[in-house]
Amino acid sequence: MAVLISTIIVYLLGWISQAILTWLSGVYSSMFYLAFAIEISFRDIATNFSISGLYNSIYIVAMAVLVMFFVKKMIETYMTWSNRRSR
């Protein structure tokens, strides 16, 4: 019985870790895609000006800045909580 339970636990942990790694892979690939999309969008504006290209570039930069502020706030919150609990 213990072997069956441990097998189920190992299977579930493997499945969860695979799902997390798949999600992280998707997040990182989209982040790199957006980083290259910023450069391509601005280069496209320089060669042939278009309002939609300008809008897409500004939107991508704004989203990147928002993500950076969100991560900064998460780190600040973590540091505050970790200092509070250690005392």
N, C-alpha and C. Protein backbone atom coordinates (compact mmCIF):
# COMPACT_ATOMS: atom_id res chain seq x y z
N MET A 1 0.82 -1.20 0.00
CA MET A 1 0.00 0.00 0.00
C MET A 1 0.86 1.26 0.00
N ALA A 2 1.95 1.23 0.77
CA ALA A 2 2.84 2.40 0.83
C ALA A 2 3.50 2.65 -0.52
N VAL A 3 3.80 1.55 -1.23
CA VAL A 3 4.42 1.70 -2.56
C VAL A 3 3.44 2.37 -3.52
N LEU A 4 2.19 2.01 -3.44
CA LEU A 4 1.17 2.62 -4.31
C LEU A 4 1.02 4.11 -4.01
N ILE A 5 0.97 4.46 -2.75
CA ILE A 5 0.83 5.87 -2.37
C ILE A 5 2.05 6.67 -2.79
N SER A 6 3.25 6.12 -2.56
CA SER A 6 4.46 6.84 -2.97
C SER A 6 4.55 6.97 -4.48
N THR A 7 4.10 5.96 -5.22
CA THR A 7 4.09 6.05 -6.68
C THR A 7 3.14 7.14 -7.15
N ILE A 8 1.99 7.23 -6.54
CA ILE A 8 1.02 8.27 -6.90
C ILE A 8 1.58 9.66 -6.59
N ILE A 9 2.23 9.80 -5.43
CA ILE A 9 2.81 11.09 -5.05
C ILE A 9 3.91 11.49 -6.02
N VAL A 10 4.79 10.55 -6.36
CA VAL A 10 5.87 10.85 -7.31
C VAL A 10 5.29 11.21 -8.67
N TYR A 11 4.26 10.50 -9.12
CA TYR A 11 3.64 10.81 -10.40
C TYR A 11 3.03 12.21 -10.39
N LEU A 12 2.32 12.55 -9.32
CA LEU A 12 1.70 13.88 -9.24
C LEU A 12 2.75 14.98 -9.18
N LEU A 13 3.82 14.78 -8.41
CA LEU A 13 4.88 15.79 -8.36
C LEU A 13 5.56 15.96 -9.71
N GLY A 14 5.77 14.85 -10.42
CA GLY A 14 6.35 14.94 -11.76
C GLY A 14 5.44 15.68 -12.72
N TRP A 15 4.14 15.41 -12.63
CA TRP A 15 3.19 16.07 -13.52
C TRP A 15 3.12 17.57 -13.22
N ILE A 16 3.11 17.93 -11.93
CA ILE A 16 3.07 19.34 -11.54
C ILE A 16 4.33 20.06 -11.98
N SER A 17 5.49 19.45 -11.76
CA SER A 17 6.74 20.10 -12.17
C SER A 17 6.82 20.24 -13.69
N GLN A 18 6.31 19.26 -14.42
CA GLN A 18 6.30 19.37 -15.89
C GLN A 18 5.39 20.51 -16.33
N ALA A 19 4.24 20.67 -15.69
CA ALA A 19 3.33 21.76 -16.03
C ALA A 19 3.96 23.12 -15.72
N ILE A 20 4.65 23.22 -14.59
CA ILE A 20 5.30 24.48 -14.22
C ILE A 20 6.41 24.81 -15.20
N LEU A 21 7.23 23.82 -15.56
CA LEU A 21 8.32 24.07 -16.50
C LEU A 21 7.79 24.43 -17.89
N THR A 22 6.70 23.81 -18.30
CA THR A 22 6.10 24.16 -19.59
C THR A 22 5.60 25.60 -19.57
N TRP A 23 4.97 26.00 -18.47
CA TRP A 23 4.48 27.38 -18.35
C TRP A 23 5.65 28.36 -18.36
N LEU A 24 6.72 28.06 -17.61
CA LEU A 24 7.88 28.95 -17.59
C LEU A 24 8.52 29.07 -18.97
N SER A 25 8.57 27.96 -19.68
CA SER A 25 9.14 27.99 -21.03
C SER A 25 8.31 28.90 -21.93
N GLY A 26 6.99 28.82 -21.83
CA GLY A 26 6.13 29.70 -22.62
C GLY A 26 6.29 31.15 -22.25
N VAL A 27 6.42 31.43 -20.95
CA VAL A 27 6.59 32.81 -20.51
C VAL A 27 7.90 33.38 -21.02
N TYR A 28 8.99 32.62 -20.87
CA TYR A 28 10.29 33.14 -21.30
C TYR A 28 10.37 33.29 -22.81
N SER A 29 9.78 32.35 -23.56
CA SER A 29 9.83 32.50 -25.02
C SER A 29 9.03 33.71 -25.47
N SER A 30 7.89 33.98 -24.82
CA SER A 30 7.12 35.17 -25.20
C SER A 30 7.84 36.44 -24.78
N MET A 31 8.58 36.41 -23.64
CA MET A 31 9.33 37.59 -23.24
C MET A 31 10.43 37.91 -24.24
N PHE A 32 11.15 36.88 -24.70
CA PHE A 32 12.20 37.11 -25.69
C PHE A 32 11.59 37.57 -27.01
N TYR A 33 10.42 37.01 -27.36
CA TYR A 33 9.74 37.43 -28.58
C TYR A 33 9.37 38.91 -28.50
N LEU A 34 8.84 39.34 -27.35
CA LEU A 34 8.47 40.75 -27.20
C LEU A 34 9.68 41.66 -27.21
N ALA A 35 10.79 41.19 -26.64
CA ALA A 35 12.01 42.00 -26.65
C ALA A 35 12.48 42.23 -28.08
N PHE A 36 12.42 41.20 -28.91
CA PHE A 36 12.81 41.37 -30.31
C PHE A 36 11.75 42.15 -31.09
N ALA A 37 10.48 42.00 -30.68
CA ALA A 37 9.41 42.72 -31.37
C ALA A 37 9.54 44.22 -31.18
N ILE A 38 10.03 44.66 -30.03
CA ILE A 38 10.24 46.10 -29.82
C ILE A 38 11.23 46.63 -30.83
N GLU A 39 12.37 45.94 -30.97
CA GLU A 39 13.39 46.40 -31.91
C GLU A 39 12.86 46.37 -33.34
N ILE A 40 12.17 45.31 -33.70
CA ILE A 40 11.66 45.18 -35.07
C ILE A 40 10.60 46.25 -35.35
N SER A 41 9.73 46.52 -34.36
CA SER A 41 8.69 47.53 -34.57
C SER A 41 9.28 48.91 -34.76
N PHE A 42 10.27 49.28 -33.95
CA PHE A 42 10.88 50.60 -34.11
C PHE A 42 11.67 50.69 -35.41
N ARG A 43 12.31 49.60 -35.81
CA ARG A 43 13.04 49.61 -37.07
C ARG A 43 12.06 49.75 -38.24
N ASP A 44 10.89 49.10 -38.12
CA ASP A 44 9.87 49.21 -39.16
C ASP A 44 9.35 50.64 -39.25
N ILE A 45 9.21 51.32 -38.12
CA ILE A 45 8.75 52.71 -38.13
C ILE A 45 9.77 53.60 -38.83
N ALA A 46 11.05 53.31 -38.63
CA ALA A 46 12.08 54.14 -39.25
C ALA A 46 12.07 54.01 -40.76
N THR A 47 11.79 52.81 -41.27
CA THR A 47 11.81 52.63 -42.73
C THR A 47 10.51 53.09 -43.38
N ASN A 48 9.40 52.68 -42.85
CA ASN A 48 8.11 53.15 -43.39
C ASN A 48 7.16 53.43 -42.23
N PHE A 49 6.82 54.69 -42.06
CA PHE A 49 6.04 55.12 -40.90
C PHE A 49 4.61 54.62 -41.00
N SER A 50 4.12 54.05 -39.89
CA SER A 50 2.72 53.64 -39.83
C SER A 50 2.23 53.83 -38.40
N ILE A 51 1.01 54.26 -38.27
CA ILE A 51 0.43 54.52 -36.95
C ILE A 51 0.28 53.22 -36.17
N SER A 52 -0.11 52.15 -36.85
CA SER A 52 -0.29 50.88 -36.13
C SER A 52 1.04 50.35 -35.61
N GLY A 53 2.11 50.52 -36.39
CA GLY A 53 3.43 50.11 -35.92
C GLY A 53 3.88 50.93 -34.72
N LEU A 54 3.59 52.23 -34.75
CA LEU A 54 3.92 53.09 -33.62
C LEU A 54 3.12 52.69 -32.39
N TYR A 55 1.84 52.42 -32.59
CA TYR A 55 0.99 52.00 -31.47
C TYR A 55 1.49 50.69 -30.88
N ASN A 56 1.83 49.73 -31.73
CA ASN A 56 2.32 48.44 -31.23
C ASN A 56 3.61 48.60 -30.45
N SER A 57 4.51 49.44 -30.93
CA SER A 57 5.78 49.66 -30.23
C SER A 57 5.56 50.29 -28.87
N ILE A 58 4.72 51.31 -28.82
CA ILE A 58 4.44 51.98 -27.55
C ILE A 58 3.75 51.03 -26.58
N TYR A 59 2.84 50.23 -27.09
CA TYR A 59 2.12 49.27 -26.25
C TYR A 59 3.08 48.24 -25.66
N ILE A 60 3.99 47.72 -26.48
CA ILE A 60 4.93 46.71 -25.99
C ILE A 60 5.86 47.30 -24.95
N VAL A 61 6.35 48.52 -25.18
CA VAL A 61 7.23 49.17 -24.20
C VAL A 61 6.47 49.43 -22.90
N ALA A 62 5.23 49.89 -23.00
CA ALA A 62 4.44 50.16 -21.80
C ALA A 62 4.19 48.87 -21.00
N MET A 63 3.89 47.79 -21.69
CA MET A 63 3.68 46.52 -21.00
C MET A 63 4.96 46.04 -20.33
N ALA A 64 6.10 46.21 -21.00
CA ALA A 64 7.38 45.81 -20.40
C ALA A 64 7.67 46.62 -19.14
N VAL A 65 7.38 47.93 -19.18
CA VAL A 65 7.61 48.78 -18.00
C VAL A 65 6.68 48.37 -16.87
N LEU A 66 5.42 48.07 -17.18
CA LEU A 66 4.49 47.63 -16.14
C LEU A 66 4.94 46.33 -15.50
N VAL A 67 5.43 45.40 -16.29
CA VAL A 67 5.92 44.14 -15.74
C VAL A 67 7.13 44.39 -14.85
N MET A 68 8.02 45.29 -15.26
CA MET A 68 9.19 45.60 -14.44
C MET A 68 8.77 46.21 -13.10
N PHE A 69 7.80 47.13 -13.11
CA PHE A 69 7.32 47.72 -11.86
C PHE A 69 6.65 46.67 -10.98
N PHE A 70 5.91 45.76 -11.59
CA PHE A 70 5.25 44.70 -10.83
C PHE A 70 6.28 43.81 -10.14
N VAL A 71 7.31 43.41 -10.87
CA VAL A 71 8.36 42.57 -10.28
C VAL A 71 9.10 43.33 -9.18
N LYS A 72 9.36 44.62 -9.40
CA LYS A 72 10.02 45.44 -8.38
C LYS A 72 9.18 45.49 -7.11
N LYS A 73 7.88 45.67 -7.26
CA LYS A 73 6.99 45.74 -6.10
C LYS A 73 6.92 44.39 -5.39
N MET A 74 6.93 43.30 -6.15
CA MET A 74 6.92 41.98 -5.53
C MET A 74 8.19 41.76 -4.71
N ILE A 75 9.34 42.17 -5.24
CA ILE A 75 10.60 42.01 -4.52
C ILE A 75 10.60 42.87 -3.26
N GLU A 76 10.12 44.11 -3.36
CA GLU A 76 10.05 44.97 -2.18
C GLU A 76 9.14 44.38 -1.11
N THR A 77 8.01 43.83 -1.53
CA THR A 77 7.09 43.23 -0.57
C THR A 77 7.72 42.02 0.09
N TYR A 78 8.41 41.20 -0.69
CA TYR A 78 9.07 40.03 -0.13
C TYR A 78 10.14 40.43 0.88
N MET A 79 10.94 41.44 0.52
CA MET A 79 12.00 41.88 1.44
C MET A 79 11.40 42.44 2.73
N THR A 80 10.29 43.16 2.62
CA THR A 80 9.64 43.70 3.81
C THR A 80 9.13 42.58 4.71
N TRP A 81 8.46 41.59 4.10
CA TRP A 81 7.92 40.48 4.88
C TRP A 81 9.02 39.63 5.48
N SER A 82 10.10 39.41 4.73
CA SER A 82 11.18 38.57 5.28
C SER A 82 11.89 39.28 6.42
N ASN A 83 12.04 40.59 6.36
CA ASN A 83 12.64 41.33 7.47
C ASN A 83 11.72 41.34 8.69
N ARG A 84 10.43 41.42 8.45
CA ARG A 84 9.47 41.47 9.55
C ARG A 84 9.43 40.14 10.30
N ARG A 85 9.52 39.03 9.56
CA ARG A 85 9.42 37.72 10.20
C ARG A 85 10.71 37.32 10.90
N SER A 86 11.84 37.85 10.47
CA SER A 86 13.10 37.44 11.07
C SER A 86 13.32 38.07 12.44
N ARG A 87 12.57 39.10 12.76
CA ARG A 87 12.78 39.78 14.06
C ARG A 87 11.93 39.19 15.13
